[in-house]
N, C-alpha and C. Protein backbone atom coordinates (compact mmCIF):
# COMPACT_ATOMS: atom_id res chain seq x y z
N MET A 1 -30.58 -9.36 3.35
CA MET A 1 -31.30 -10.55 3.95
C MET A 1 -30.12 -11.30 4.89
N SER A 2 -30.70 -11.46 6.17
CA SER A 2 -29.80 -11.96 6.94
C SER A 2 -29.39 -13.26 6.42
N LEU A 3 -28.28 -13.96 7.23
CA LEU A 3 -27.66 -15.12 7.04
C LEU A 3 -28.79 -16.30 7.13
N ASN A 4 -29.47 -16.12 8.49
CA ASN A 4 -30.35 -17.02 8.92
C ASN A 4 -31.62 -17.13 7.94
N ASN A 5 -32.04 -16.04 7.42
CA ASN A 5 -33.14 -16.04 6.42
C ASN A 5 -32.79 -16.49 5.27
N LEU A 6 -31.42 -16.41 4.70
CA LEU A 6 -31.14 -16.92 3.61
C LEU A 6 -30.93 -18.62 3.65
N ASP A 7 -30.31 -19.18 4.85
CA ASP A 7 -30.18 -20.35 5.02
C ASP A 7 -31.90 -21.14 5.01
N THR A 8 -32.67 -20.43 5.53
CA THR A 8 -34.17 -20.87 5.44
C THR A 8 -34.58 -20.82 4.15
N LEU A 9 -34.46 -19.79 3.39
CA LEU A 9 -34.73 -19.82 1.83
C LEU A 9 -34.25 -20.96 1.17
N TYR A 10 -32.81 -21.05 1.24
CA TYR A 10 -32.32 -22.29 0.58
C TYR A 10 -32.98 -23.63 0.90
N ARG A 11 -33.11 -23.70 2.37
CA ARG A 11 -33.59 -25.10 2.69
C ARG A 11 -35.10 -25.09 2.10
N GLN A 12 -35.83 -24.18 1.92
CA GLN A 12 -37.12 -24.25 1.26
C GLN A 12 -37.09 -24.61 -0.06
N VAL A 13 -36.10 -24.10 -0.90
CA VAL A 13 -35.73 -24.24 -2.44
C VAL A 13 -35.62 -25.71 -2.43
N ILE A 14 -34.66 -26.28 -1.67
CA ILE A 14 -34.30 -27.57 -1.69
C ILE A 14 -35.53 -28.57 -1.41
N MET A 15 -36.28 -28.30 -0.41
CA MET A 15 -37.42 -29.21 -0.07
C MET A 15 -38.39 -28.94 -1.39
N ASP A 16 -38.59 -27.89 -1.99
CA ASP A 16 -39.49 -27.77 -2.91
C ASP A 16 -39.19 -28.63 -4.16
N HIS A 17 -37.74 -28.77 -4.46
CA HIS A 17 -37.42 -29.55 -5.61
C HIS A 17 -37.59 -31.23 -5.12
N TYR A 18 -37.38 -31.25 -3.82
CA TYR A 18 -37.66 -32.75 -3.27
C TYR A 18 -38.96 -33.19 -3.25
N LYS A 19 -39.86 -32.40 -2.92
CA LYS A 19 -41.18 -32.77 -2.85
C LYS A 19 -42.02 -32.56 -4.25
N ASN A 20 -41.65 -31.64 -4.97
CA ASN A 20 -42.00 -31.40 -6.44
C ASN A 20 -40.86 -31.54 -7.56
N PRO A 21 -40.28 -32.58 -7.54
CA PRO A 21 -39.18 -32.71 -8.58
C PRO A 21 -39.47 -32.51 -10.06
N ARG A 22 -38.73 -31.57 -10.61
CA ARG A 22 -39.02 -31.53 -12.07
C ARG A 22 -38.17 -32.38 -12.99
N ASN A 23 -38.77 -32.71 -13.90
CA ASN A 23 -38.12 -33.66 -15.03
C ASN A 23 -38.20 -35.16 -14.32
N ARG A 24 -38.97 -35.51 -13.46
CA ARG A 24 -38.80 -36.86 -12.84
C ARG A 24 -39.78 -37.70 -13.85
N GLY A 25 -39.09 -38.88 -14.26
CA GLY A 25 -39.95 -39.90 -14.86
C GLY A 25 -39.04 -40.24 -16.12
N ASN A 26 -39.51 -40.81 -17.14
CA ASN A 26 -38.79 -41.45 -18.43
C ASN A 26 -38.99 -40.85 -19.53
N ILE A 27 -37.93 -40.93 -20.30
CA ILE A 27 -37.92 -40.44 -21.63
C ILE A 27 -38.54 -41.74 -22.68
N ASP A 28 -39.53 -41.27 -23.43
CA ASP A 28 -39.75 -42.16 -24.61
C ASP A 28 -38.97 -41.93 -25.78
N GLY A 29 -38.60 -43.17 -26.21
CA GLY A 29 -37.66 -43.09 -27.57
C GLY A 29 -36.25 -43.39 -27.17
N ASP A 30 -35.25 -43.08 -28.12
CA ASP A 30 -33.83 -43.32 -27.81
C ASP A 30 -33.46 -42.21 -26.73
N SER A 31 -32.59 -42.80 -25.96
CA SER A 31 -31.90 -41.81 -24.92
C SER A 31 -30.75 -42.43 -24.40
N ILE A 32 -29.84 -41.66 -23.91
CA ILE A 32 -28.80 -42.11 -23.04
C ILE A 32 -29.21 -42.49 -21.71
N THR A 33 -29.06 -43.61 -21.20
CA THR A 33 -29.30 -43.90 -19.85
C THR A 33 -28.07 -44.23 -18.93
N VAL A 34 -27.92 -43.43 -17.86
CA VAL A 34 -26.86 -43.67 -16.83
C VAL A 34 -27.59 -44.13 -15.46
N ASP A 35 -27.11 -45.21 -15.00
CA ASP A 35 -27.42 -45.86 -13.49
C ASP A 35 -26.11 -45.49 -12.56
N MET A 36 -26.61 -44.70 -11.65
CA MET A 36 -25.43 -44.46 -10.53
C MET A 36 -25.91 -44.54 -9.29
N ASN A 37 -25.07 -44.94 -8.20
CA ASN A 37 -25.62 -44.77 -6.91
C ASN A 37 -24.40 -44.32 -6.02
N ASN A 38 -24.89 -43.83 -4.71
CA ASN A 38 -23.79 -43.44 -3.95
C ASN A 38 -23.87 -44.57 -2.70
N PRO A 39 -22.93 -45.70 -2.68
CA PRO A 39 -23.19 -46.75 -1.80
C PRO A 39 -22.92 -46.05 -0.27
N THR A 40 -22.53 -44.97 -0.19
CA THR A 40 -22.21 -44.52 1.26
C THR A 40 -23.56 -44.43 1.97
N CYS A 41 -24.68 -43.69 1.17
CA CYS A 41 -25.89 -43.51 1.77
C CYS A 41 -26.90 -44.07 1.15
N GLY A 42 -26.83 -44.74 0.02
CA GLY A 42 -28.00 -45.30 -0.58
C GLY A 42 -28.63 -44.67 -1.63
N ASP A 43 -28.29 -43.59 -1.93
CA ASP A 43 -28.79 -42.80 -3.08
C ASP A 43 -28.59 -43.51 -4.36
N ARG A 44 -29.66 -43.51 -5.26
CA ARG A 44 -29.40 -43.99 -6.51
C ARG A 44 -30.17 -43.42 -7.42
N ILE A 45 -29.63 -42.99 -8.66
CA ILE A 45 -30.31 -42.37 -9.65
C ILE A 45 -30.41 -43.12 -11.15
N GLN A 46 -31.31 -43.08 -11.94
CA GLN A 46 -31.21 -43.40 -13.31
C GLN A 46 -31.56 -42.12 -14.01
N LEU A 47 -30.48 -41.63 -14.80
CA LEU A 47 -30.67 -40.42 -15.70
C LEU A 47 -30.91 -40.88 -17.12
N GLN A 48 -31.80 -40.09 -17.72
CA GLN A 48 -31.92 -40.41 -19.28
C GLN A 48 -31.79 -39.03 -19.78
N MET A 49 -31.15 -38.87 -21.05
CA MET A 49 -31.02 -37.81 -21.83
C MET A 49 -31.07 -38.11 -23.25
N GLN A 50 -31.64 -37.07 -23.78
CA GLN A 50 -31.56 -37.06 -25.43
C GLN A 50 -30.70 -35.95 -25.79
N VAL A 51 -29.51 -36.26 -26.59
CA VAL A 51 -28.44 -35.24 -26.99
C VAL A 51 -28.56 -35.40 -28.48
N GLU A 52 -28.88 -34.19 -29.05
CA GLU A 52 -28.67 -34.22 -30.71
C GLU A 52 -27.96 -32.99 -30.88
N ASP A 53 -27.19 -33.30 -31.99
CA ASP A 53 -26.32 -32.08 -32.38
C ASP A 53 -25.49 -31.38 -31.39
N GLY A 54 -25.13 -32.13 -30.46
CA GLY A 54 -24.30 -31.50 -29.31
C GLY A 54 -25.16 -30.65 -28.21
N ILE A 55 -26.40 -30.83 -28.31
CA ILE A 55 -27.22 -30.11 -27.51
C ILE A 55 -28.02 -31.13 -26.65
N VAL A 56 -28.27 -30.99 -25.27
CA VAL A 56 -28.95 -31.84 -24.56
C VAL A 56 -30.62 -31.33 -24.67
N LYS A 57 -31.05 -32.06 -25.44
CA LYS A 57 -32.51 -31.71 -25.77
C LYS A 57 -33.53 -32.14 -24.59
N ASN A 58 -33.26 -33.19 -24.02
CA ASN A 58 -34.12 -33.49 -22.85
C ASN A 58 -33.45 -34.26 -21.64
N ALA A 59 -33.81 -34.25 -20.43
CA ALA A 59 -33.37 -34.84 -19.51
C ALA A 59 -34.30 -35.18 -18.28
N LYS A 60 -34.23 -36.45 -17.75
CA LYS A 60 -35.31 -36.78 -16.88
C LYS A 60 -34.41 -37.81 -15.86
N PHE A 61 -34.89 -37.88 -14.82
CA PHE A 61 -34.49 -38.63 -13.58
C PHE A 61 -35.45 -39.67 -12.96
N ASP A 62 -35.31 -40.45 -12.52
CA ASP A 62 -35.81 -41.48 -11.43
C ASP A 62 -34.81 -41.95 -10.53
N GLY A 63 -35.20 -42.31 -9.44
CA GLY A 63 -34.47 -42.64 -8.39
C GLY A 63 -34.88 -42.57 -6.97
N GLU A 64 -34.12 -42.93 -5.96
CA GLU A 64 -34.39 -42.74 -4.72
C GLU A 64 -33.42 -42.17 -3.88
N GLY A 65 -33.42 -41.50 -2.86
CA GLY A 65 -32.42 -40.87 -2.09
C GLY A 65 -32.82 -39.81 -1.34
N CYS A 66 -31.89 -39.17 -0.74
CA CYS A 66 -32.03 -38.20 0.31
C CYS A 66 -32.54 -36.77 -0.32
N SER A 67 -33.15 -35.92 0.48
CA SER A 67 -33.50 -34.57 -0.41
C SER A 67 -32.36 -33.77 -0.98
N ILE A 68 -31.19 -33.97 -0.63
CA ILE A 68 -30.33 -33.21 -1.47
C ILE A 68 -29.88 -33.78 -2.64
N SER A 69 -29.85 -35.27 -2.74
CA SER A 69 -29.48 -35.97 -4.11
C SER A 69 -30.56 -35.87 -5.05
N MET A 70 -31.84 -35.91 -4.58
CA MET A 70 -33.06 -35.68 -5.32
C MET A 70 -33.16 -34.28 -5.89
N SER A 71 -32.94 -33.20 -5.09
CA SER A 71 -33.26 -31.91 -5.29
C SER A 71 -32.23 -31.65 -6.26
N SER A 72 -31.11 -32.01 -6.15
CA SER A 72 -29.78 -31.74 -7.08
C SER A 72 -30.21 -32.38 -8.46
N ALA A 73 -30.74 -33.47 -8.40
CA ALA A 73 -30.98 -34.12 -9.84
C ALA A 73 -32.22 -33.36 -10.54
N SER A 74 -33.16 -32.89 -9.77
CA SER A 74 -34.29 -31.79 -10.38
C SER A 74 -33.55 -30.64 -10.73
N MET A 75 -32.74 -30.07 -10.16
CA MET A 75 -31.95 -28.81 -10.55
C MET A 75 -31.22 -29.11 -11.73
N MET A 76 -30.44 -30.02 -11.57
CA MET A 76 -29.52 -30.32 -12.72
C MET A 76 -30.28 -30.60 -13.95
N THR A 77 -31.20 -31.35 -14.08
CA THR A 77 -32.13 -31.58 -15.32
C THR A 77 -32.59 -30.14 -15.95
N GLN A 78 -33.23 -29.44 -14.93
CA GLN A 78 -33.55 -28.20 -15.38
C GLN A 78 -32.42 -27.39 -16.05
N ALA A 79 -31.34 -27.47 -15.41
CA ALA A 79 -30.11 -26.49 -15.63
C ALA A 79 -29.58 -27.03 -17.14
N VAL A 80 -29.63 -28.22 -17.50
CA VAL A 80 -28.92 -28.58 -18.77
C VAL A 80 -29.69 -28.55 -19.91
N LYS A 81 -31.06 -28.82 -19.77
CA LYS A 81 -31.96 -28.92 -20.78
C LYS A 81 -31.61 -27.66 -21.87
N GLY A 82 -31.55 -28.11 -23.19
CA GLY A 82 -31.32 -26.86 -24.05
C GLY A 82 -29.77 -26.42 -24.13
N LYS A 83 -28.98 -26.77 -23.40
CA LYS A 83 -27.65 -26.34 -23.31
C LYS A 83 -26.67 -27.21 -24.27
N LYS A 84 -25.61 -26.55 -24.63
CA LYS A 84 -24.72 -27.37 -25.53
C LYS A 84 -24.12 -28.32 -24.55
N VAL A 85 -23.62 -29.24 -24.94
CA VAL A 85 -22.97 -30.44 -24.09
C VAL A 85 -21.55 -29.85 -23.22
N GLU A 86 -20.89 -28.82 -24.12
CA GLU A 86 -19.82 -28.36 -23.42
C GLU A 86 -20.14 -27.51 -22.31
N ASP A 87 -21.23 -26.78 -22.37
CA ASP A 87 -21.71 -25.77 -21.39
C ASP A 87 -22.36 -26.55 -20.30
N ALA A 88 -22.93 -27.81 -20.54
CA ALA A 88 -23.33 -28.61 -19.28
C ALA A 88 -22.11 -29.03 -18.66
N LEU A 89 -21.22 -29.64 -19.24
CA LEU A 89 -19.99 -29.98 -18.65
C LEU A 89 -19.35 -28.85 -17.65
N ARG A 90 -19.27 -27.75 -18.35
CA ARG A 90 -18.81 -26.65 -17.55
C ARG A 90 -19.50 -26.35 -16.24
N MET A 91 -20.90 -26.38 -16.46
CA MET A 91 -21.83 -26.12 -15.33
C MET A 91 -21.39 -27.16 -14.41
N SER A 92 -21.22 -28.48 -14.66
CA SER A 92 -21.04 -29.50 -13.65
C SER A 92 -19.69 -29.39 -13.14
N HIS A 93 -18.59 -28.68 -13.84
CA HIS A 93 -17.23 -28.46 -13.21
C HIS A 93 -17.59 -27.53 -12.07
N GLU A 94 -18.17 -26.68 -12.33
CA GLU A 94 -18.30 -25.27 -11.73
C GLU A 94 -19.23 -25.76 -10.27
N PHE A 95 -20.29 -26.56 -10.63
CA PHE A 95 -20.97 -27.13 -9.57
C PHE A 95 -20.12 -27.84 -8.46
N SER A 96 -19.12 -28.85 -9.08
CA SER A 96 -18.29 -29.67 -8.34
C SER A 96 -17.43 -28.36 -7.47
N GLU A 97 -16.97 -27.63 -8.07
CA GLU A 97 -16.03 -26.67 -7.47
C GLU A 97 -16.91 -25.84 -6.14
N MET A 98 -18.12 -25.53 -6.53
CA MET A 98 -19.17 -25.08 -5.35
C MET A 98 -19.11 -25.81 -4.26
N MET A 99 -19.38 -27.19 -4.56
CA MET A 99 -19.38 -28.28 -3.39
C MET A 99 -18.19 -28.30 -2.75
N LEU A 100 -16.86 -27.90 -3.16
CA LEU A 100 -15.77 -28.01 -2.55
C LEU A 100 -15.50 -26.55 -1.74
N GLY A 101 -16.40 -25.86 -1.84
CA GLY A 101 -16.24 -24.49 -1.08
C GLY A 101 -15.60 -23.45 -2.06
N LYS A 102 -15.27 -23.60 -3.25
CA LYS A 102 -14.49 -22.81 -4.03
C LYS A 102 -15.33 -21.60 -4.50
N ASP A 103 -14.77 -20.48 -5.11
CA ASP A 103 -15.52 -19.41 -5.64
C ASP A 103 -15.77 -19.93 -7.09
N VAL A 104 -16.80 -19.83 -7.71
CA VAL A 104 -17.28 -20.38 -8.95
C VAL A 104 -17.39 -19.26 -9.92
N ASP A 105 -17.11 -19.58 -11.39
CA ASP A 105 -17.19 -18.52 -12.34
C ASP A 105 -18.61 -19.03 -13.07
N THR A 106 -19.56 -18.16 -12.96
CA THR A 106 -20.78 -18.41 -13.40
C THR A 106 -21.13 -17.48 -14.63
N GLU A 107 -20.14 -17.01 -15.18
CA GLU A 107 -20.49 -16.06 -16.41
C GLU A 107 -20.84 -16.94 -17.38
N GLY A 108 -22.02 -16.60 -18.12
CA GLY A 108 -22.59 -17.50 -19.01
C GLY A 108 -23.62 -18.28 -18.73
N PHE A 109 -23.80 -18.55 -17.49
CA PHE A 109 -25.04 -19.31 -16.76
C PHE A 109 -25.19 -18.66 -15.65
N ASP A 110 -26.77 -19.15 -15.13
CA ASP A 110 -27.49 -18.56 -14.12
C ASP A 110 -27.55 -19.63 -13.15
N LEU A 111 -27.14 -19.77 -11.86
CA LEU A 111 -27.42 -21.01 -11.13
C LEU A 111 -28.58 -21.14 -10.61
N GLU A 112 -29.49 -20.08 -10.72
CA GLU A 112 -30.92 -20.18 -10.23
C GLU A 112 -31.03 -21.03 -8.91
N ASP A 113 -31.84 -21.96 -8.98
CA ASP A 113 -31.99 -22.79 -7.76
C ASP A 113 -30.91 -23.42 -7.30
N ILE A 114 -29.97 -23.73 -8.15
CA ILE A 114 -28.87 -24.65 -7.79
C ILE A 114 -27.99 -23.94 -6.54
N GLU A 115 -28.02 -22.66 -6.69
CA GLU A 115 -27.35 -21.90 -5.54
C GLU A 115 -27.62 -22.47 -4.16
N ALA A 116 -28.84 -22.76 -4.19
CA ALA A 116 -29.46 -23.26 -2.80
C ALA A 116 -28.62 -24.51 -2.11
N LEU A 117 -27.84 -25.27 -2.82
CA LEU A 117 -27.15 -26.39 -2.68
C LEU A 117 -25.85 -25.83 -2.13
N GLN A 118 -25.38 -24.45 -2.06
CA GLN A 118 -23.89 -24.19 -1.83
C GLN A 118 -23.81 -24.42 -0.43
N GLY A 119 -24.53 -24.39 0.57
CA GLY A 119 -24.47 -24.91 1.99
C GLY A 119 -23.97 -26.26 2.21
N VAL A 120 -24.28 -27.27 1.12
CA VAL A 120 -23.79 -28.61 1.24
C VAL A 120 -22.23 -28.52 1.43
N SER A 121 -21.63 -27.81 1.03
CA SER A 121 -20.10 -27.72 1.13
C SER A 121 -19.56 -27.71 2.47
N LYS A 122 -20.31 -27.26 3.38
CA LYS A 122 -20.13 -27.34 4.85
C LYS A 122 -20.23 -28.81 5.43
N PHE A 123 -20.82 -29.64 4.64
CA PHE A 123 -21.01 -31.19 5.11
C PHE A 123 -20.29 -32.28 4.32
N PRO A 124 -19.16 -32.40 4.38
CA PRO A 124 -18.42 -33.27 3.39
C PRO A 124 -19.07 -34.54 3.24
N ALA A 125 -19.69 -34.97 4.06
CA ALA A 125 -20.27 -36.38 3.97
C ALA A 125 -21.44 -36.30 3.01
N ARG A 126 -21.95 -35.04 2.61
CA ARG A 126 -23.30 -34.98 1.86
C ARG A 126 -22.97 -34.41 0.41
N ILE A 127 -21.59 -34.14 0.16
CA ILE A 127 -21.20 -33.31 -1.20
C ILE A 127 -21.58 -34.75 -2.21
N LYS A 128 -21.15 -36.13 -1.87
CA LYS A 128 -21.59 -36.91 -2.93
C LYS A 128 -22.99 -36.98 -3.14
N CYS A 129 -23.88 -36.91 -2.25
CA CYS A 129 -25.40 -36.89 -2.37
C CYS A 129 -25.61 -35.68 -3.74
N ALA A 130 -25.11 -34.59 -3.42
CA ALA A 130 -25.27 -33.41 -4.27
C ALA A 130 -24.71 -33.58 -5.77
N THR A 131 -23.67 -34.28 -5.87
CA THR A 131 -23.05 -34.37 -7.09
C THR A 131 -23.50 -35.42 -8.03
N LEU A 132 -24.11 -36.43 -7.37
CA LEU A 132 -24.37 -37.73 -7.86
C LEU A 132 -25.12 -37.74 -9.35
N ALA A 133 -26.14 -36.72 -9.54
CA ALA A 133 -26.68 -36.60 -10.67
C ALA A 133 -25.78 -35.79 -11.63
N TRP A 134 -25.13 -34.97 -11.27
CA TRP A 134 -24.20 -34.12 -12.14
C TRP A 134 -23.02 -35.29 -12.68
N LYS A 135 -22.55 -36.14 -11.70
CA LYS A 135 -21.60 -37.09 -12.41
C LYS A 135 -22.26 -38.18 -13.24
N ALA A 136 -23.59 -38.46 -13.08
CA ALA A 136 -24.22 -39.47 -14.19
C ALA A 136 -24.51 -38.51 -15.37
N MET A 137 -24.63 -37.07 -15.53
CA MET A 137 -24.74 -36.41 -16.61
C MET A 137 -23.46 -36.23 -17.25
N GLU A 138 -22.36 -36.26 -16.58
CA GLU A 138 -20.85 -36.11 -17.01
C GLU A 138 -20.71 -37.46 -17.93
N LYS A 139 -20.86 -38.69 -17.32
CA LYS A 139 -20.81 -40.04 -17.73
C LYS A 139 -21.63 -40.05 -18.94
N GLY A 140 -22.80 -39.65 -19.22
CA GLY A 140 -23.83 -40.01 -20.09
C GLY A 140 -23.07 -39.12 -21.44
N VAL A 141 -23.07 -37.92 -21.28
CA VAL A 141 -22.61 -37.16 -22.48
C VAL A 141 -21.20 -37.26 -22.84
N ARG A 142 -20.44 -38.02 -22.05
CA ARG A 142 -18.95 -38.34 -22.39
C ARG A 142 -18.90 -39.60 -23.06
N GLU A 143 -20.05 -40.68 -23.05
CA GLU A 143 -20.22 -41.98 -23.49
C GLU A 143 -20.86 -41.87 -24.77
N ASP A 144 -21.60 -40.58 -25.11
CA ASP A 144 -22.54 -40.51 -26.22
C ASP A 144 -21.65 -40.56 -27.58
């Protein structure tokens, strides 16, 4: 697949998550709630997670922001559900490395749609947009 076609595919994946977000909404019952924002561009997220026995049982988000931040939140909630907390934290670390343009170690997990965000690394001002939900997840599981 040519680089131009790949960029188009990645844009389509990002826009699909933006227009049809997965796991948007609120969790009924007890949950960890983290509110974060990116004052640079106005993105804001409220992340809710249920963590039981060291496993992220459920994750949902609500908020407002650009297509990158909202798509990343959708992708992140999909990726961490059912994962051990330490695996979710490792994924977050690898995602942050990918945003910095570094090679990532994806052994043990599949990036799936998250890979579509790798082009964000070319736009330093947008990295905070992409990592906002991931930082919220890290904060939530570390405070649990």
